[in-house]
Amino acid sequence: MLTKRQKGGVVKDLRRHEKDTGSAEVQIGLLTKRIKELTSHLKKHPKDHHSRRGLLLMVGKRRRFLQYIKRANEKVHSKLMKQLGLDG
């Protein structure tokens, strides 16, 4: 679970304008942060299948957002991938 401070940091780094909190870039950043946290949780608790299902759903949602960004603006997509440290 992300704290308010962690969410604020991600939003501040990825927002398009001052009041942007829900753009695709911000949502991808928040999902990436949650995915990293959940991955570390699952390394400690490998039999937690409910959390694993949630992780897979988040990964799929992030993948769809990334496909949308790639179709809409290739430059923003490549910049976002570098900024978040994703390989793709």
PDB file of N, CA and C in Angstrom:
ATOM      1  N   MET A   1       0.834  -1.177   0.000  1.00  0.00           N
ATOM      2  CA  MET A   1       0.000   0.000   0.000  1.00  0.00           C
ATOM      3  C   MET A   1       0.885   1.247   0.000  1.00  0.00           C
ATOM      4  N   LEU A   2       0.592   2.163  -0.874  1.00  0.00           N
ATOM      5  CA  LEU A   2       1.378   3.387  -0.966  1.00  0.00           C
ATOM      6  C   LEU A   2       0.865   4.431   0.013  1.00  0.00           C
ATOM      7  N   THR A   3       1.779   5.128   0.646  1.00  0.00           N
ATOM      8  CA  THR A   3       1.384   6.209   1.530  1.00  0.00           C
ATOM      9  C   THR A   3       1.076   7.450   0.699  1.00  0.00           C
ATOM     10  N   LYS A   4       0.459   8.415   1.330  1.00  0.00           N
ATOM     11  CA  LYS A   4       0.117   9.654   0.648  1.00  0.00           C
ATOM     12  C   LYS A   4       1.373  10.369   0.141  1.00  0.00           C
ATOM     13  N   ARG A   5       2.419  10.314   0.916  1.00  0.00           N
ATOM     14  CA  ARG A   5       3.683  10.965   0.549  1.00  0.00           C
ATOM     15  C   ARG A   5       4.305  10.291  -0.674  1.00  0.00           C
ATOM     16  N   GLN A   6       4.264   8.937  -0.717  1.00  0.00           N
ATOM     17  CA  GLN A   6       4.814   8.215  -1.867  1.00  0.00           C
ATOM     18  C   GLN A   6       4.018   8.524  -3.127  1.00  0.00           C
ATOM     19  N   LYS A   7       2.684   8.538  -3.011  1.00  0.00           N
ATOM     20  CA  LYS A   7       1.842   8.863  -4.156  1.00  0.00           C
ATOM     21  C   LYS A   7       2.134  10.267  -4.652  1.00  0.00           C
ATOM     22  N   GLY A   8       2.266  11.199  -3.718  1.00  0.00           N
ATOM     23  CA  GLY A   8       2.548  12.589  -4.083  1.00  0.00           C
ATOM     24  C   GLY A   8       3.853  12.723  -4.842  1.00  0.00           C
ATOM     25  N   GLY A   9       4.866  11.970  -4.424  1.00  0.00           N
ATOM     26  CA  GLY A   9       6.150  12.013  -5.110  1.00  0.00           C
ATOM     27  C   GLY A   9       6.059  11.507  -6.537  1.00  0.00           C
ATOM     28  N   VAL A  10       5.331  10.419  -6.722  1.00  0.00           N
ATOM     29  CA  VAL A  10       5.170   9.855  -8.068  1.00  0.00           C
ATOM     30  C   VAL A  10       4.382  10.817  -8.949  1.00  0.00           C
ATOM     31  N   VAL A  11       3.296  11.355  -8.397  1.00  0.00           N
ATOM     32  CA  VAL A  11       2.459  12.288  -9.162  1.00  0.00           C
ATOM     33  C   VAL A  11       3.269  13.516  -9.542  1.00  0.00           C
ATOM     34  N   LYS A  12       4.054  14.032  -8.613  1.00  0.00           N
ATOM     35  CA  LYS A  12       4.852  15.230  -8.866  1.00  0.00           C
ATOM     36  C   LYS A  12       5.864  15.005  -9.994  1.00  0.00           C
ATOM     37  N   ASP A  13       6.432  13.802 -10.062  1.00  0.00           N
ATOM     38  CA  ASP A  13       7.434  13.500 -11.090  1.00  0.00           C
ATOM     39  C   ASP A  13       6.828  13.319 -12.479  1.00  0.00           C
ATOM     40  N   LEU A  14       5.600  12.796 -12.555  1.00  0.00           N
ATOM     41  CA  LEU A  14       5.056  12.377 -13.842  1.00  0.00           C
ATOM     42  C   LEU A  14       3.898  13.212 -14.368  1.00  0.00           C
ATOM     43  N   ARG A  15       3.445  14.186 -13.621  1.00  0.00           N
ATOM     44  CA  ARG A  15       2.261  14.937 -14.051  1.00  0.00           C
ATOM     45  C   ARG A  15       2.549  15.807 -15.269  1.00  0.00           C
ATOM     46  N   ARG A  16       1.477  16.051 -16.031  1.00  0.00           N
ATOM     47  CA  ARG A  16       1.580  16.880 -17.239  1.00  0.00           C
ATOM     48  C   ARG A  16       1.499  18.365 -16.895  1.00  0.00           C
ATOM     49  N   HIS A  17       0.641  18.708 -15.941  1.00  0.00           N
ATOM     50  CA  HIS A  17       0.474  20.095 -15.517  1.00  0.00           C
ATOM     51  C   HIS A  17       0.248  20.117 -14.015  1.00  0.00           C
ATOM     52  N   GLU A  18       0.077  21.295 -13.458  1.00  0.00           N
ATOM     53  CA  GLU A  18       0.038  21.486 -12.005  1.00  0.00           C
ATOM     54  C   GLU A  18      -1.030  20.651 -11.295  1.00  0.00           C
ATOM     55  N   LYS A  19      -2.221  20.529 -11.875  1.00  0.00           N
ATOM     56  CA  LYS A  19      -3.317  19.838 -11.190  1.00  0.00           C
ATOM     57  C   LYS A  19      -3.567  18.429 -11.721  1.00  0.00           C
ATOM     58  N   ASP A  20      -2.622  17.882 -12.475  1.00  0.00           N
ATOM     59  CA  ASP A  20      -2.786  16.563 -13.079  1.00  0.00           C
ATOM     60  C   ASP A  20      -2.567  15.463 -12.041  1.00  0.00           C
ATOM     61  N   THR A  21      -3.597  14.647 -11.822  1.00  0.00           N
ATOM     62  CA  THR A  21      -3.459  13.507 -10.914  1.00  0.00           C
ATOM     63  C   THR A  21      -3.933  12.210 -11.543  1.00  0.00           C
ATOM     64  N   GLY A  22      -4.529  12.259 -12.730  1.00  0.00           N
ATOM     65  CA  GLY A  22      -5.117  11.056 -13.283  1.00  0.00           C
ATOM     66  C   GLY A  22      -4.740  10.740 -14.706  1.00  0.00           C
ATOM     67  N   SER A  23      -3.725  11.391 -15.242  1.00  0.00           N
ATOM     68  CA  SER A  23      -3.334  11.093 -16.620  1.00  0.00           C
ATOM     69  C   SER A  23      -2.750   9.684 -16.692  1.00  0.00           C
ATOM     70  N   ALA A  24      -2.658   9.162 -17.883  1.00  0.00           N
ATOM     71  CA  ALA A  24      -2.149   7.803 -18.068  1.00  0.00           C
ATOM     72  C   ALA A  24      -0.722   7.673 -17.539  1.00  0.00           C
ATOM     73  N   GLU A  25       0.091   8.699 -17.712  1.00  0.00           N
ATOM     74  CA  GLU A  25       1.475   8.644 -17.226  1.00  0.00           C
ATOM     75  C   GLU A  25       1.521   8.500 -15.711  1.00  0.00           C
ATOM     76  N   VAL A  26       0.694   9.268 -15.014  1.00  0.00           N
ATOM     77  CA  VAL A  26       0.651   9.208 -13.557  1.00  0.00           C
ATOM     78  C   VAL A  26       0.155   7.834 -13.102  1.00  0.00           C
ATOM     79  N   GLN A  27      -0.878   7.331 -13.762  1.00  0.00           N
ATOM     80  CA  GLN A  27      -1.418   6.026 -13.378  1.00  0.00           C
ATOM     81  C   GLN A  27      -0.398   4.917 -13.614  1.00  0.00           C
ATOM     82  N   ILE A  28       0.366   5.000 -14.686  1.00  0.00           N
ATOM     83  CA  ILE A  28       1.409   4.014 -14.951  1.00  0.00           C
ATOM     84  C   ILE A  28       2.464   4.080 -13.847  1.00  0.00           C
ATOM     85  N   GLY A  29       2.836   5.290 -13.447  1.00  0.00           N
ATOM     86  CA  GLY A  29       3.822   5.444 -12.374  1.00  0.00           C
ATOM     87  C   GLY A  29       3.338   4.863 -11.058  1.00  0.00           C
ATOM     88  N   LEU A  30       2.080   5.121 -10.712  1.00  0.00           N
ATOM     89  CA  LEU A  30       1.529   4.583  -9.471  1.00  0.00           C
ATOM     90  C   LEU A  30       1.438   3.062  -9.516  1.00  0.00           C
ATOM     91  N   LEU A  31       1.012   2.532 -10.650  1.00  0.00           N
ATOM     92  CA  LEU A  31       0.947   1.072 -10.783  1.00  0.00           C
ATOM     93  C   LEU A  31       2.338   0.454 -10.681  1.00  0.00           C
ATOM     94  N   THR A  32       3.330   1.087 -11.278  1.00  0.00           N
ATOM     95  CA  THR A  32       4.691   0.570 -11.221  1.00  0.00           C
ATOM     96  C   THR A  32       5.186   0.521  -9.783  1.00  0.00           C
ATOM     97  N   LYS A  33       4.914   1.565  -9.038  1.00  0.00           N
ATOM     98  CA  LYS A  33       5.333   1.614  -7.636  1.00  0.00           C
ATOM     99  C   LYS A  33       4.656   0.501  -6.828  1.00  0.00           C
ATOM    100  N   ARG A  34       3.354   0.321  -7.043  1.00  0.00           N
ATOM    101  CA  ARG A  34       2.624  -0.732  -6.329  1.00  0.00           C
ATOM    102  C   ARG A  34       3.101  -2.120  -6.738  1.00  0.00           C
ATOM    103  N   ILE A  35       3.416  -2.298  -8.018  1.00  0.00           N
ATOM    104  CA  ILE A  35       3.901  -3.586  -8.508  1.00  0.00           C
ATOM    105  C   ILE A  35       5.237  -3.928  -7.854  1.00  0.00           C
ATOM    106  N   LYS A  36       6.121  -2.955  -7.732  1.00  0.00           N
ATOM    107  CA  LYS A  36       7.418  -3.198  -7.082  1.00  0.00           C
ATOM    108  C   LYS A  36       7.243  -3.607  -5.622  1.00  0.00           C
ATOM    109  N   GLU A  37       6.334  -2.925  -4.918  1.00  0.00           N
ATOM    110  CA  GLU A  37       6.092  -3.268  -3.516  1.00  0.00           C
ATOM    111  C   GLU A  37       5.505  -4.664  -3.383  1.00  0.00           C
ATOM    112  N   LEU A  38       4.544  -4.985  -4.236  1.00  0.00           N
ATOM    113  CA  LEU A  38       3.889  -6.285  -4.163  1.00  0.00           C
ATOM    114  C   LEU A  38       4.853  -7.404  -4.558  1.00  0.00           C
ATOM    115  N   THR A  39       5.757  -7.138  -5.472  1.00  0.00           N
ATOM    116  CA  THR A  39       6.747  -8.133  -5.863  1.00  0.00           C
ATOM    117  C   THR A  39       7.650  -8.480  -4.686  1.00  0.00           C
ATOM    118  N   SER A  40       8.070  -7.464  -3.950  1.00  0.00           N
ATOM    119  CA  SER A  40       8.917  -7.737  -2.784  1.00  0.00           C
ATOM    120  C   SER A  40       8.129  -8.490  -1.701  1.00  0.00           C
ATOM    121  N   HIS A  41       6.846  -8.207  -1.560  1.00  0.00           N
ATOM    122  CA  HIS A  41       5.999  -8.924  -0.605  1.00  0.00           C
ATOM    123  C   HIS A  41       5.907 -10.405  -0.983  1.00  0.00           C
ATOM    124  N   LEU A  42       5.750 -10.664  -2.288  1.00  0.00           N
ATOM    125  CA  LEU A  42       5.591 -12.046  -2.731  1.00  0.00           C
ATOM    126  C   LEU A  42       6.891 -12.843  -2.639  1.00  0.00           C
ATOM    127  N   LYS A  43       8.030 -12.169  -2.618  1.00  0.00           N
ATOM    128  CA  LYS A  43       9.289 -12.880  -2.401  1.00  0.00           C
ATOM    129  C   LYS A  43       9.360 -13.420  -0.976  1.00  0.00           C
ATOM    130  N   LYS A  44       8.793 -12.684  -0.026  1.00  0.00           N
ATOM    131  CA  LYS A  44       8.772 -13.121   1.369  1.00  0.00           C
ATOM    132  C   LYS A  44       7.654 -14.123   1.630  1.00  0.00           C
ATOM    133  N   HIS A  45       6.536 -13.998   0.897  1.00  0.00           N
ATOM    134  CA  HIS A  45       5.354 -14.826   1.115  1.00  0.00           C
ATOM    135  C   HIS A  45       4.935 -15.486  -0.198  1.00  0.00           C
ATOM    136  N   PRO A  46       5.654 -16.539  -0.616  1.00  0.00           N
ATOM    137  CA  PRO A  46       5.400 -17.125  -1.929  1.00  0.00           C
ATOM    138  C   PRO A  46       4.046 -17.829  -2.068  1.00  0.00           C
ATOM    139  N   LYS A  47       3.400 -18.163  -0.985  1.00  0.00           N
ATOM    140  CA  LYS A  47       2.122 -18.866  -1.080  1.00  0.00           C
ATOM    141  C   LYS A  47       0.913 -17.936  -1.004  1.00  0.00           C
ATOM    142  N   ASP A  48       1.145 -16.650  -1.051  1.00  0.00           N
ATOM    143  CA  ASP A  48       0.055 -15.673  -0.992  1.00  0.00           C
ATOM    144  C   ASP A  48      -0.555 -15.510  -2.386  1.00  0.00           C
ATOM    145  N   HIS A  49      -1.475 -16.409  -2.720  1.00  0.00           N
ATOM    146  CA  HIS A  49      -2.035 -16.437  -4.073  1.00  0.00           C
ATOM    147  C   HIS A  49      -3.008 -15.295  -4.328  1.00  0.00           C
ATOM    148  N   HIS A  50      -3.654 -14.791  -3.316  1.00  0.00           N
ATOM    149  CA  HIS A  50      -4.575 -13.675  -3.507  1.00  0.00           C
ATOM    150  C   HIS A  50      -3.810 -12.422  -3.933  1.00  0.00           C
ATOM    151  N   SER A  51      -2.675 -12.179  -3.293  1.00  0.00           N
ATOM    152  CA  SER A  51      -1.862 -11.026  -3.675  1.00  0.00           C
ATOM    153  C   SER A  51      -1.249 -11.233  -5.055  1.00  0.00           C
ATOM    154  N   ARG A  52      -0.913 -12.471  -5.391  1.00  0.00           N
ATOM    155  CA  ARG A  52      -0.349 -12.760  -6.708  1.00  0.00           C
ATOM    156  C   ARG A  52      -1.360 -12.437  -7.805  1.00  0.00           C
ATOM    157  N   ARG A  53      -2.629 -12.756  -7.562  1.00  0.00           N
ATOM    158  CA  ARG A  53      -3.668 -12.445  -8.535  1.00  0.00           C
ATOM    159  C   ARG A  53      -3.793 -10.928  -8.710  1.00  0.00           C
ATOM    160  N   GLY A  54      -3.766 -10.194  -7.602  1.00  0.00           N
ATOM    161  CA  GLY A  54      -3.815  -8.737  -7.680  1.00  0.00           C
ATOM    162  C   GLY A  54      -2.637  -8.173  -8.445  1.00  0.00           C
ATOM    163  N   LEU A  55      -1.465  -8.764  -8.240  1.00  0.00           N
ATOM    164  CA  LEU A  55      -0.272  -8.334  -8.963  1.00  0.00           C
ATOM    165  C   LEU A  55      -0.452  -8.537 -10.466  1.00  0.00           C
ATOM    166  N   LEU A  56      -0.966  -9.695 -10.853  1.00  0.00           N
ATOM    167  CA  LEU A  56      -1.163  -9.970 -12.275  1.00  0.00           C
ATOM    168  C   LEU A  56      -2.176  -9.012 -12.895  1.00  0.00           C
ATOM    169  N   LEU A  57      -3.210  -8.669 -12.153  1.00  0.00           N
ATOM    170  CA  LEU A  57      -4.187  -7.701 -12.652  1.00  0.00           C
ATOM    171  C   LEU A  57      -3.548  -6.325 -12.846  1.00  0.00           C
ATOM    172  N   MET A  58      -2.714  -5.917 -11.895  1.00  0.00           N
ATOM    173  CA  MET A  58      -2.040  -4.620 -12.003  1.00  0.00           C
ATOM    174  C   MET A  58      -1.073  -4.595 -13.187  1.00  0.00           C
ATOM    175  N   VAL A  59      -0.350  -5.688 -13.394  1.00  0.00           N
ATOM    176  CA  VAL A  59       0.589  -5.751 -14.514  1.00  0.00           C
ATOM    177  C   VAL A  59      -0.163  -5.632 -15.832  1.00  0.00           C
ATOM    178  N   GLY A  60      -1.309  -6.296 -15.932  1.00  0.00           N
ATOM    179  CA  GLY A  60      -2.114  -6.208 -17.148  1.00  0.00           C
ATOM    180  C   GLY A  60      -2.653  -4.816 -17.384  1.00  0.00           C
ATOM    181  N   LYS A  61      -3.087  -4.164 -16.318  1.00  0.00           N
ATOM    182  CA  LYS A  61      -3.607  -2.801 -16.445  1.00  0.00           C
ATOM    183  C   LYS A  61      -2.505  -1.843 -16.887  1.00  0.00           C
ATOM    184  N   ARG A  62      -1.305  -1.993 -16.292  1.00  0.00           N
ATOM    185  CA  ARG A  62      -0.183  -1.138 -16.675  1.00  0.00           C
ATOM    186  C   ARG A  62       0.202  -1.375 -18.128  1.00  0.00           C
ATOM    187  N   ARG A  63       0.171  -2.641 -18.571  1.00  0.00           N
ATOM    188  CA  ARG A  63       0.509  -2.966 -19.955  1.00  0.00           C
ATOM    189  C   ARG A  63      -0.469  -2.298 -20.923  1.00  0.00           C
ATOM    190  N   ARG A  64      -1.757  -2.295 -20.576  1.00  0.00           N
ATOM    191  CA  ARG A  64      -2.748  -1.642 -21.439  1.00  0.00           C
ATOM    192  C   ARG A  64      -2.531  -0.131 -21.477  1.00  0.00           C
ATOM    193  N   PHE A  65      -2.220   0.481 -20.335  1.00  0.00           N
ATOM    194  CA  PHE A  65      -1.920   1.915 -20.313  1.00  0.00           C
ATOM    195  C   PHE A  65      -0.701   2.220 -21.188  1.00  0.00           C
ATOM    196  N   LEU A  66       0.328   1.379 -21.098  1.00  0.00           N
ATOM    197  CA  LEU A  66       1.531   1.602 -21.893  1.00  0.00           C
ATOM    198  C   LEU A  66       1.242   1.478 -23.386  1.00  0.00           C
ATOM    199  N   GLN A  67       0.394   0.538 -23.763  1.00  0.00           N
ATOM    200  CA  GLN A  67       0.017   0.411 -25.169  1.00  0.00           C
ATOM    201  C   GLN A  67      -0.728   1.654 -25.640  1.00  0.00           C
ATOM    202  N   TYR A  68      -1.598   2.180 -24.798  1.00  0.00           N
ATOM    203  CA  TYR A  68      -2.339   3.397 -25.135  1.00  0.00           C
ATOM    204  C   TYR A  68      -1.380   4.567 -25.353  1.00  0.00           C
ATOM    205  N   ILE A  69      -0.437   4.736 -24.435  1.00  0.00           N
ATOM    206  CA  ILE A  69       0.529   5.833 -24.538  1.00  0.00           C
ATOM    207  C   ILE A  69       1.367   5.672 -25.811  1.00  0.00           C
ATOM    208  N   LYS A  70       1.754   4.438 -26.110  1.00  0.00           N
ATOM    209  CA  LYS A  70       2.581   4.208 -27.289  1.00  0.00           C
ATOM    210  C   LYS A  70       1.835   4.578 -28.563  1.00  0.00           C
ATOM    211  N   ARG A  71       0.542   4.253 -28.626  1.00  0.00           N
ATOM    212  CA  ARG A  71      -0.265   4.625 -29.791  1.00  0.00           C
ATOM    213  C   ARG A  71      -0.447   6.134 -29.880  1.00  0.00           C
ATOM    214  N   ALA A  72      -0.640   6.775 -28.730  1.00  0.00           N
ATOM    215  CA  ALA A  72      -0.940   8.202 -28.712  1.00  0.00           C
ATOM    216  C   ALA A  72       0.296   9.056 -28.991  1.00  0.00           C
ATOM    217  N   ASN A  73       1.427   8.735 -28.345  1.00  0.00           N
ATOM    218  CA  ASN A  73       2.617   9.570 -28.479  1.00  0.00           C
ATOM    219  C   ASN A  73       3.857   8.732 -28.175  1.00  0.00           C
ATOM    220  N   GLU A  74       4.587   8.380 -29.205  1.00  0.00           N
ATOM    221  CA  GLU A  74       5.762   7.511 -29.084  1.00  0.00           C
ATOM    222  C   GLU A  74       6.865   8.147 -28.230  1.00  0.00           C
ATOM    223  N   LYS A  75       7.048   9.466 -28.344  1.00  0.00           N
ATOM    224  CA  LYS A  75       8.099  10.145 -27.577  1.00  0.00           C
ATOM    225  C   LYS A  75       7.819  10.098 -26.087  1.00  0.00           C
ATOM    226  N   VAL A  76       6.569  10.335 -25.707  1.00  0.00           N
ATOM    227  CA  VAL A  76       6.181  10.289 -24.291  1.00  0.00           C
ATOM    228  C   VAL A  76       6.364   8.872 -23.761  1.00  0.00           C
ATOM    229  N   HIS A  77       6.033   7.889 -24.583  1.00  0.00           N
ATOM    230  CA  HIS A  77       6.169   6.490 -24.182  1.00  0.00           C
ATOM    231  C   HIS A  77       7.628   6.152 -23.884  1.00  0.00           C
ATOM    232  N   SER A  78       8.534   6.501 -24.787  1.00  0.00           N
ATOM    233  CA  SER A  78       9.947   6.170 -24.577  1.00  0.00           C
ATOM    234  C   SER A  78      10.517   6.914 -23.371  1.00  0.00           C
ATOM    235  N   LYS A  79      10.119   8.172 -23.198  1.00  0.00           N
ATOM    236  CA  LYS A  79      10.575   8.953 -22.044  1.00  0.00           C
ATOM    237  C   LYS A  79      10.094   8.322 -20.742  1.00  0.00           C
ATOM    238  N   LEU A  80       8.831   7.896 -20.729  1.00  0.00           N
ATOM    239  CA  LEU A  80       8.242   7.281 -19.541  1.00  0.00           C
ATOM    240  C   LEU A  80       8.916   5.961 -19.218  1.00  0.00           C
ATOM    241  N   MET A  81       9.224   5.169 -20.236  1.00  0.00           N
ATOM    242  CA  MET A  81       9.882   3.882 -20.009  1.00  0.00           C
ATOM    243  C   MET A  81      11.266   4.088 -19.381  1.00  0.00           C
ATOM    244  N   LYS A  82      12.008   5.071 -19.877  1.00  0.00           N
ATOM    245  CA  LYS A  82      13.318   5.364 -19.310  1.00  0.00           C
ATOM    246  C   LYS A  82      13.194   5.877 -17.877  1.00  0.00           C
ATOM    247  N   GLN A  83      12.236   6.759 -17.649  1.00  0.00           N
ATOM    248  CA  GLN A  83      12.072   7.368 -16.342  1.00  0.00           C
ATOM    249  C   GLN A  83      11.686   6.342 -15.275  1.00  0.00           C
ATOM    250  N   LEU A  84      10.867   5.347 -15.649  1.00  0.00           N
ATOM    251  CA  LEU A  84      10.424   4.339 -14.696  1.00  0.00           C
ATOM    252  C   LEU A  84      11.345   3.125 -14.642  1.00  0.00           C
ATOM    253  N   GLY A  85      12.296   3.042 -15.561  1.00  0.00           N
ATOM    254  CA  GLY A  85      13.226   1.924 -15.566  1.00  0.00           C
ATOM    255  C   GLY A  85      12.611   0.640 -16.080  1.00  0.00           C
ATOM    256  N   LEU A  86      11.659   0.753 -16.993  1.00  0.00           N
ATOM    257  CA  LEU A  86      11.034  -0.428 -17.584  1.00  0.00           C
ATOM    258  C   LEU A  86      11.769  -0.763 -18.871  1.00  0.00           C
ATOM    259  N   ASP A  87      11.868  -2.059 -19.185  1.00  0.00           N
ATOM    260  CA  ASP A  87      12.632  -2.489 -20.388  1.00  0.00           C
ATOM    261  C   ASP A  87      11.727  -2.519 -21.587  1.00  0.00           C
ATOM    262  N   GLY A  88      11.199  -2.145 -22.246  1.00  0.00           N
ATOM    263  CA  GLY A  88      10.283  -2.527 -23.299  1.00  0.00           C
ATOM    264  C   GLY A  88      10.363  -1.753 -24.440  1.00  0.00           C
TER     265      GLY A  88
END
